[in-house]
N, C-alpha and C. Protein backbone atom coordinates (compact mmCIF):
# COMPACT_ATOMS: atom_id res chain seq x y z
N GLN A 1 -37.90 231.32 -136.80
CA GLN A 1 -37.87 229.90 -137.10
C GLN A 1 -37.31 229.13 -135.92
N VAL A 2 -37.58 227.84 -135.90
CA VAL A 2 -37.08 226.98 -134.85
C VAL A 2 -35.89 226.20 -135.39
N GLN A 3 -34.89 226.00 -134.54
CA GLN A 3 -33.72 225.20 -134.93
C GLN A 3 -33.92 223.77 -134.41
N LEU A 4 -33.56 222.79 -135.24
CA LEU A 4 -33.82 221.40 -134.94
C LEU A 4 -32.55 220.57 -135.00
N VAL A 5 -32.39 219.66 -134.04
CA VAL A 5 -31.22 218.77 -134.02
C VAL A 5 -31.70 217.35 -133.73
N GLU A 6 -31.42 216.44 -134.68
CA GLU A 6 -31.80 215.05 -134.51
C GLU A 6 -30.69 214.26 -133.82
N SER A 7 -31.09 213.18 -133.19
CA SER A 7 -30.14 212.22 -132.62
C SER A 7 -30.81 210.86 -132.53
N GLY A 8 -30.00 209.83 -132.33
CA GLY A 8 -30.55 208.51 -132.10
C GLY A 8 -30.43 207.55 -133.25
N GLY A 9 -29.91 208.00 -134.38
CA GLY A 9 -29.74 207.09 -135.50
C GLY A 9 -28.63 206.08 -135.23
N GLY A 10 -28.52 205.11 -136.12
CA GLY A 10 -27.47 204.13 -135.95
C GLY A 10 -27.68 202.91 -136.82
N LEU A 11 -26.94 201.86 -136.49
CA LEU A 11 -26.97 200.61 -137.22
C LEU A 11 -27.71 199.57 -136.38
N VAL A 12 -28.68 198.90 -136.99
CA VAL A 12 -29.46 197.92 -136.26
C VAL A 12 -29.81 196.77 -137.19
N GLN A 13 -29.99 195.60 -136.63
CA GLN A 13 -30.41 194.45 -137.44
C GLN A 13 -31.91 194.49 -137.68
N ALA A 14 -32.32 193.86 -138.75
CA ALA A 14 -33.74 193.77 -139.05
C ALA A 14 -34.49 193.16 -137.86
N GLY A 15 -35.63 193.75 -137.57
CA GLY A 15 -36.42 193.33 -136.42
C GLY A 15 -36.12 194.11 -135.16
N GLY A 16 -35.05 194.89 -135.20
CA GLY A 16 -34.67 195.67 -134.03
C GLY A 16 -35.42 196.98 -133.93
N SER A 17 -35.01 197.78 -132.94
CA SER A 17 -35.69 199.05 -132.66
C SER A 17 -34.68 200.18 -132.49
N LEU A 18 -35.13 201.37 -132.80
CA LEU A 18 -34.38 202.59 -132.54
C LEU A 18 -35.37 203.67 -132.14
N ARG A 19 -34.90 204.64 -131.36
CA ARG A 19 -35.72 205.81 -131.07
C ARG A 19 -34.95 207.06 -131.48
N LEU A 20 -35.54 207.80 -132.38
CA LEU A 20 -34.97 209.07 -132.80
C LEU A 20 -35.53 210.20 -131.95
N SER A 21 -34.70 211.19 -131.70
CA SER A 21 -35.13 212.38 -130.98
C SER A 21 -34.84 213.61 -131.84
N CYS A 22 -35.66 214.61 -131.65
CA CYS A 22 -35.48 215.89 -132.34
C CYS A 22 -35.64 216.99 -131.30
N ALA A 23 -34.54 217.63 -130.98
CA ALA A 23 -34.56 218.72 -130.00
C ALA A 23 -34.72 220.05 -130.72
N ALA A 24 -35.65 220.85 -130.24
CA ALA A 24 -35.93 222.14 -130.86
C ALA A 24 -35.52 223.28 -129.95
N SER A 25 -34.99 224.32 -130.53
CA SER A 25 -34.66 225.50 -129.76
C SER A 25 -35.76 226.53 -129.93
N GLY A 26 -35.83 227.44 -129.00
CA GLY A 26 -36.82 228.51 -129.10
C GLY A 26 -38.05 228.22 -128.27
N ARG A 27 -38.79 229.30 -127.99
CA ARG A 27 -39.96 229.17 -127.14
C ARG A 27 -41.25 228.99 -127.92
N THR A 28 -41.13 228.81 -129.24
CA THR A 28 -42.33 228.69 -130.07
C THR A 28 -42.60 227.27 -130.52
N PHE A 29 -41.93 226.30 -129.89
CA PHE A 29 -42.06 224.90 -130.31
C PHE A 29 -43.52 224.47 -130.35
N THR A 30 -44.30 224.88 -129.38
CA THR A 30 -45.68 224.42 -129.30
C THR A 30 -46.57 225.00 -130.38
N THR A 31 -46.07 225.96 -131.14
CA THR A 31 -46.89 226.51 -132.22
C THR A 31 -46.71 225.76 -133.53
N TYR A 32 -45.80 224.79 -133.55
CA TYR A 32 -45.47 224.08 -134.78
C TYR A 32 -46.03 222.66 -134.81
N ALA A 33 -46.52 222.29 -135.99
CA ALA A 33 -46.68 220.87 -136.29
C ALA A 33 -45.29 220.33 -136.62
N MET A 34 -45.08 219.07 -136.35
CA MET A 34 -43.77 218.46 -136.55
C MET A 34 -43.90 217.20 -137.38
N GLY A 35 -42.80 216.86 -138.02
CA GLY A 35 -42.82 215.64 -138.81
C GLY A 35 -41.46 215.00 -138.93
N TRP A 36 -41.47 213.72 -139.27
CA TRP A 36 -40.25 213.01 -139.62
C TRP A 36 -40.33 212.64 -141.11
N PHE A 37 -39.30 213.03 -141.83
CA PHE A 37 -39.14 212.66 -143.23
C PHE A 37 -37.94 211.73 -143.33
N ARG A 38 -37.87 211.00 -144.43
CA ARG A 38 -36.67 210.19 -144.67
C ARG A 38 -36.35 210.21 -146.17
N GLN A 39 -35.07 210.02 -146.45
CA GLN A 39 -34.63 209.94 -147.84
C GLN A 39 -33.58 208.87 -147.97
N ALA A 40 -33.88 207.89 -148.80
CA ALA A 40 -32.95 206.81 -149.09
C ALA A 40 -32.17 207.16 -150.37
N PRO A 41 -31.00 206.58 -150.55
CA PRO A 41 -30.21 206.88 -151.75
C PRO A 41 -30.99 206.59 -153.03
N GLY A 42 -31.01 207.57 -153.91
CA GLY A 42 -31.69 207.39 -155.18
C GLY A 42 -33.20 207.51 -155.12
N LYS A 43 -33.72 207.85 -153.95
CA LYS A 43 -35.18 207.96 -153.81
C LYS A 43 -35.56 209.37 -153.37
N GLU A 44 -36.81 209.71 -153.60
CA GLU A 44 -37.30 211.00 -153.17
C GLU A 44 -37.54 211.00 -151.66
N ARG A 45 -37.49 212.18 -151.10
CA ARG A 45 -37.80 212.32 -149.69
C ARG A 45 -39.28 212.01 -149.46
N GLU A 46 -39.57 211.31 -148.38
CA GLU A 46 -40.96 210.98 -148.07
C GLU A 46 -41.27 211.32 -146.61
N LEU A 47 -42.52 211.69 -146.40
CA LEU A 47 -42.99 211.97 -145.04
C LEU A 47 -43.34 210.65 -144.38
N VAL A 48 -42.71 210.38 -143.26
CA VAL A 48 -42.91 209.12 -142.55
C VAL A 48 -44.04 209.26 -141.52
N ALA A 49 -44.01 210.36 -140.77
CA ALA A 49 -45.01 210.56 -139.72
C ALA A 49 -45.10 212.04 -139.40
N ARG A 50 -46.26 212.47 -138.94
CA ARG A 50 -46.45 213.86 -138.55
C ARG A 50 -47.32 213.92 -137.30
N ILE A 51 -47.19 215.05 -136.61
CA ILE A 51 -47.92 215.22 -135.36
C ILE A 51 -48.30 216.69 -135.23
N ASN A 52 -49.47 216.94 -134.70
CA ASN A 52 -49.89 218.34 -134.57
C ASN A 52 -49.26 218.97 -133.32
N TRP A 53 -49.56 220.23 -133.08
CA TRP A 53 -48.86 220.97 -132.04
C TRP A 53 -49.06 220.38 -130.65
N SER A 54 -50.24 219.81 -130.40
CA SER A 54 -50.53 219.30 -129.07
C SER A 54 -50.23 217.81 -128.92
N GLY A 55 -50.04 217.13 -130.04
CA GLY A 55 -49.85 215.68 -129.98
C GLY A 55 -51.14 214.90 -130.09
N SER A 56 -52.26 215.59 -130.24
CA SER A 56 -53.55 214.91 -130.29
C SER A 56 -53.85 214.28 -131.64
N SER A 57 -53.15 214.71 -132.67
CA SER A 57 -53.35 214.15 -134.01
C SER A 57 -52.02 213.68 -134.57
N THR A 58 -52.03 212.48 -135.12
CA THR A 58 -50.84 211.93 -135.76
C THR A 58 -51.26 211.25 -137.06
N SER A 59 -50.29 211.08 -137.93
CA SER A 59 -50.53 210.42 -139.20
C SER A 59 -49.25 209.73 -139.64
N TYR A 60 -49.39 208.58 -140.34
CA TYR A 60 -48.23 207.79 -140.72
C TYR A 60 -48.31 207.37 -142.18
N ALA A 61 -47.14 207.19 -142.76
CA ALA A 61 -47.08 206.58 -144.08
C ALA A 61 -47.50 205.12 -143.94
N ASP A 62 -48.12 204.58 -144.97
CA ASP A 62 -48.58 203.19 -144.93
C ASP A 62 -47.43 202.22 -144.64
N SER A 63 -46.26 202.56 -145.13
CA SER A 63 -45.11 201.65 -145.00
C SER A 63 -44.63 201.50 -143.55
N VAL A 64 -45.03 202.40 -142.67
CA VAL A 64 -44.55 202.33 -141.28
C VAL A 64 -45.68 202.16 -140.26
N LYS A 65 -46.91 202.17 -140.71
CA LYS A 65 -48.04 202.04 -139.79
C LYS A 65 -47.93 200.76 -138.98
N GLY A 66 -48.15 200.89 -137.68
CA GLY A 66 -48.09 199.75 -136.79
C GLY A 66 -46.69 199.43 -136.30
N ARG A 67 -45.68 200.08 -136.88
CA ARG A 67 -44.30 199.84 -136.47
C ARG A 67 -43.66 201.08 -135.86
N PHE A 68 -44.00 202.25 -136.36
CA PHE A 68 -43.42 203.50 -135.88
C PHE A 68 -44.45 204.27 -135.07
N THR A 69 -43.96 205.01 -134.07
CA THR A 69 -44.81 205.87 -133.26
C THR A 69 -44.16 207.23 -133.10
N ILE A 70 -44.88 208.26 -133.48
CA ILE A 70 -44.39 209.63 -133.31
C ILE A 70 -45.01 210.22 -132.05
N SER A 71 -44.23 211.00 -131.33
CA SER A 71 -44.73 211.65 -130.12
C SER A 71 -43.93 212.93 -129.88
N ARG A 72 -44.43 213.73 -128.97
CA ARG A 72 -43.71 214.96 -128.63
C ARG A 72 -43.91 215.28 -127.16
N ASP A 73 -42.92 215.93 -126.60
CA ASP A 73 -42.97 216.40 -125.22
C ASP A 73 -42.74 217.91 -125.28
N ASN A 74 -43.80 218.67 -125.23
CA ASN A 74 -43.69 220.12 -125.38
C ASN A 74 -42.95 220.77 -124.21
N ALA A 75 -42.99 220.14 -123.05
CA ALA A 75 -42.24 220.69 -121.91
C ALA A 75 -40.74 220.60 -122.13
N LYS A 76 -40.33 219.63 -122.96
CA LYS A 76 -38.90 219.44 -123.24
C LYS A 76 -38.51 219.91 -124.63
N ASN A 77 -39.46 220.49 -125.36
CA ASN A 77 -39.18 220.93 -126.73
C ASN A 77 -38.57 219.81 -127.57
N THR A 78 -39.11 218.63 -127.45
CA THR A 78 -38.54 217.46 -128.12
C THR A 78 -39.62 216.61 -128.76
N MET A 79 -39.28 216.11 -129.94
CA MET A 79 -40.15 215.17 -130.65
C MET A 79 -39.41 213.85 -130.77
N TYR A 80 -40.16 212.76 -130.86
CA TYR A 80 -39.56 211.43 -130.92
C TYR A 80 -40.16 210.62 -132.06
N LEU A 81 -39.39 209.63 -132.48
CA LEU A 81 -39.90 208.62 -133.40
C LEU A 81 -39.42 207.27 -132.90
N GLN A 82 -40.33 206.50 -132.34
CA GLN A 82 -40.01 205.14 -131.91
C GLN A 82 -40.21 204.21 -133.10
N MET A 83 -39.15 203.52 -133.48
CA MET A 83 -39.18 202.65 -134.65
C MET A 83 -38.96 201.21 -134.21
N ASN A 84 -39.96 200.39 -134.39
CA ASN A 84 -39.88 198.97 -134.03
C ASN A 84 -39.98 198.11 -135.28
N SER A 85 -39.61 196.85 -135.13
CA SER A 85 -39.68 195.89 -136.25
C SER A 85 -39.05 196.47 -137.52
N LEU A 86 -37.88 197.01 -137.36
CA LEU A 86 -37.22 197.68 -138.48
C LEU A 86 -36.89 196.71 -139.60
N LYS A 87 -36.96 197.22 -140.83
CA LYS A 87 -36.70 196.45 -142.02
C LYS A 87 -35.56 197.11 -142.79
N PRO A 88 -34.85 196.34 -143.62
CA PRO A 88 -33.79 196.94 -144.44
C PRO A 88 -34.28 198.12 -145.28
N GLU A 89 -35.53 198.06 -145.73
CA GLU A 89 -36.06 199.16 -146.54
C GLU A 89 -36.32 200.43 -145.74
N ASP A 90 -36.16 200.38 -144.42
CA ASP A 90 -36.26 201.60 -143.60
C ASP A 90 -34.94 202.37 -143.60
N THR A 91 -33.91 201.80 -144.18
CA THR A 91 -32.61 202.47 -144.24
C THR A 91 -32.71 203.78 -145.00
N ALA A 92 -32.29 204.86 -144.35
CA ALA A 92 -32.40 206.20 -144.94
C ALA A 92 -31.79 207.21 -143.98
N VAL A 93 -31.65 208.42 -144.46
CA VAL A 93 -31.38 209.55 -143.58
C VAL A 93 -32.73 210.09 -143.13
N TYR A 94 -32.89 210.23 -141.83
CA TYR A 94 -34.15 210.71 -141.26
C TYR A 94 -33.98 212.16 -140.82
N TYR A 95 -34.95 212.97 -141.22
CA TYR A 95 -34.93 214.40 -140.91
C TYR A 95 -36.17 214.77 -140.10
N CYS A 96 -35.98 215.58 -139.08
CA CYS A 96 -37.16 216.15 -138.44
C CYS A 96 -37.43 217.52 -139.05
N ALA A 97 -38.67 217.91 -139.00
CA ALA A 97 -39.09 219.14 -139.64
C ALA A 97 -40.20 219.80 -138.86
N ALA A 98 -40.27 221.11 -139.00
CA ALA A 98 -41.30 221.90 -138.32
C ALA A 98 -42.03 222.77 -139.33
N GLU A 99 -43.32 222.85 -139.16
CA GLU A 99 -44.14 223.63 -140.08
C GLU A 99 -45.31 224.18 -139.28
N ARG A 100 -45.90 225.28 -139.74
CA ARG A 100 -46.98 225.92 -138.99
C ARG A 100 -48.25 225.09 -138.94
N SER A 101 -48.44 224.24 -139.97
CA SER A 101 -49.72 223.55 -140.06
C SER A 101 -49.57 222.04 -140.19
N PHE A 102 -50.41 221.30 -139.52
CA PHE A 102 -50.44 219.83 -139.61
C PHE A 102 -50.76 219.39 -141.03
N SER A 103 -51.54 220.16 -141.75
CA SER A 103 -51.91 219.76 -143.10
C SER A 103 -50.82 220.11 -144.11
N THR A 104 -50.21 221.28 -143.98
CA THR A 104 -49.23 221.70 -144.99
C THR A 104 -47.88 221.02 -144.83
N ILE A 105 -47.59 220.44 -143.70
CA ILE A 105 -46.30 219.75 -143.54
C ILE A 105 -46.21 218.57 -144.50
N VAL A 106 -47.34 218.14 -145.03
CA VAL A 106 -47.34 217.03 -145.99
C VAL A 106 -46.50 217.37 -147.22
N THR A 107 -46.48 218.63 -147.59
CA THR A 107 -45.77 219.04 -148.80
C THR A 107 -44.42 219.67 -148.52
N GLY A 108 -44.08 219.88 -147.25
CA GLY A 108 -42.79 220.47 -146.95
C GLY A 108 -42.82 221.17 -145.62
N ALA A 109 -41.68 221.75 -145.26
CA ALA A 109 -41.58 222.41 -143.96
C ALA A 109 -40.64 223.59 -144.05
N ARG A 110 -40.80 224.50 -143.10
CA ARG A 110 -39.97 225.70 -143.10
C ARG A 110 -38.68 225.52 -142.33
N SER A 111 -38.61 224.53 -141.45
CA SER A 111 -37.40 224.30 -140.67
C SER A 111 -37.05 222.82 -140.72
N TRP A 112 -35.74 222.56 -140.87
CA TRP A 112 -35.25 221.18 -141.00
C TRP A 112 -34.05 220.96 -140.10
N GLY A 113 -33.94 219.72 -139.62
CA GLY A 113 -32.74 219.31 -138.93
C GLY A 113 -31.69 218.88 -139.94
N GLN A 114 -30.53 218.49 -139.44
CA GLN A 114 -29.41 218.12 -140.31
C GLN A 114 -29.49 216.67 -140.78
N GLY A 115 -30.34 215.88 -140.14
CA GLY A 115 -30.52 214.49 -140.53
C GLY A 115 -29.70 213.54 -139.68
N THR A 116 -30.22 212.33 -139.54
CA THR A 116 -29.51 211.27 -138.82
C THR A 116 -29.67 209.97 -139.60
N GLN A 117 -28.58 209.25 -139.76
CA GLN A 117 -28.58 208.03 -140.58
C GLN A 117 -29.14 206.85 -139.79
N VAL A 118 -30.04 206.15 -140.42
CA VAL A 118 -30.55 204.88 -139.89
C VAL A 118 -30.23 203.80 -140.91
N THR A 119 -29.51 202.77 -140.47
CA THR A 119 -29.15 201.66 -141.35
C THR A 119 -29.63 200.36 -140.73
N VAL A 120 -30.43 199.63 -141.49
CA VAL A 120 -30.98 198.36 -141.02
C VAL A 120 -30.40 197.24 -141.87
N THR A 121 -29.72 196.31 -141.23
CA THR A 121 -29.10 195.20 -141.96
C THR A 121 -29.99 193.97 -141.91
N ALA A 122 -29.89 193.19 -142.96
CA ALA A 122 -30.74 191.98 -143.06
C ALA A 122 -30.23 190.89 -142.13
């Protein structure tokens, strides 16, 4: 399995931007599809964005389309989530995740990071 560590969360005003990073250990990073999930208090975890092993395919939740961009740098074993035009409803703990398949990551993942808090104030 791959070990994942998120960074980049914080407190931002509505309309602001943040960039999350997910650093992966191990030499098998390029074999994994990756995703960002989030969970707000009292709500179920949701998949925000996913990316295939090469970065050629991405997908987004409707709630973040046009505002968030997922990317990865396989040379650095790192995945990113650029979040622009943030809204208070984006407030959540954000988790990066790794899974063998771009399609199956929709339902879950085999490796998870510890999470990073994103708080957006009105």
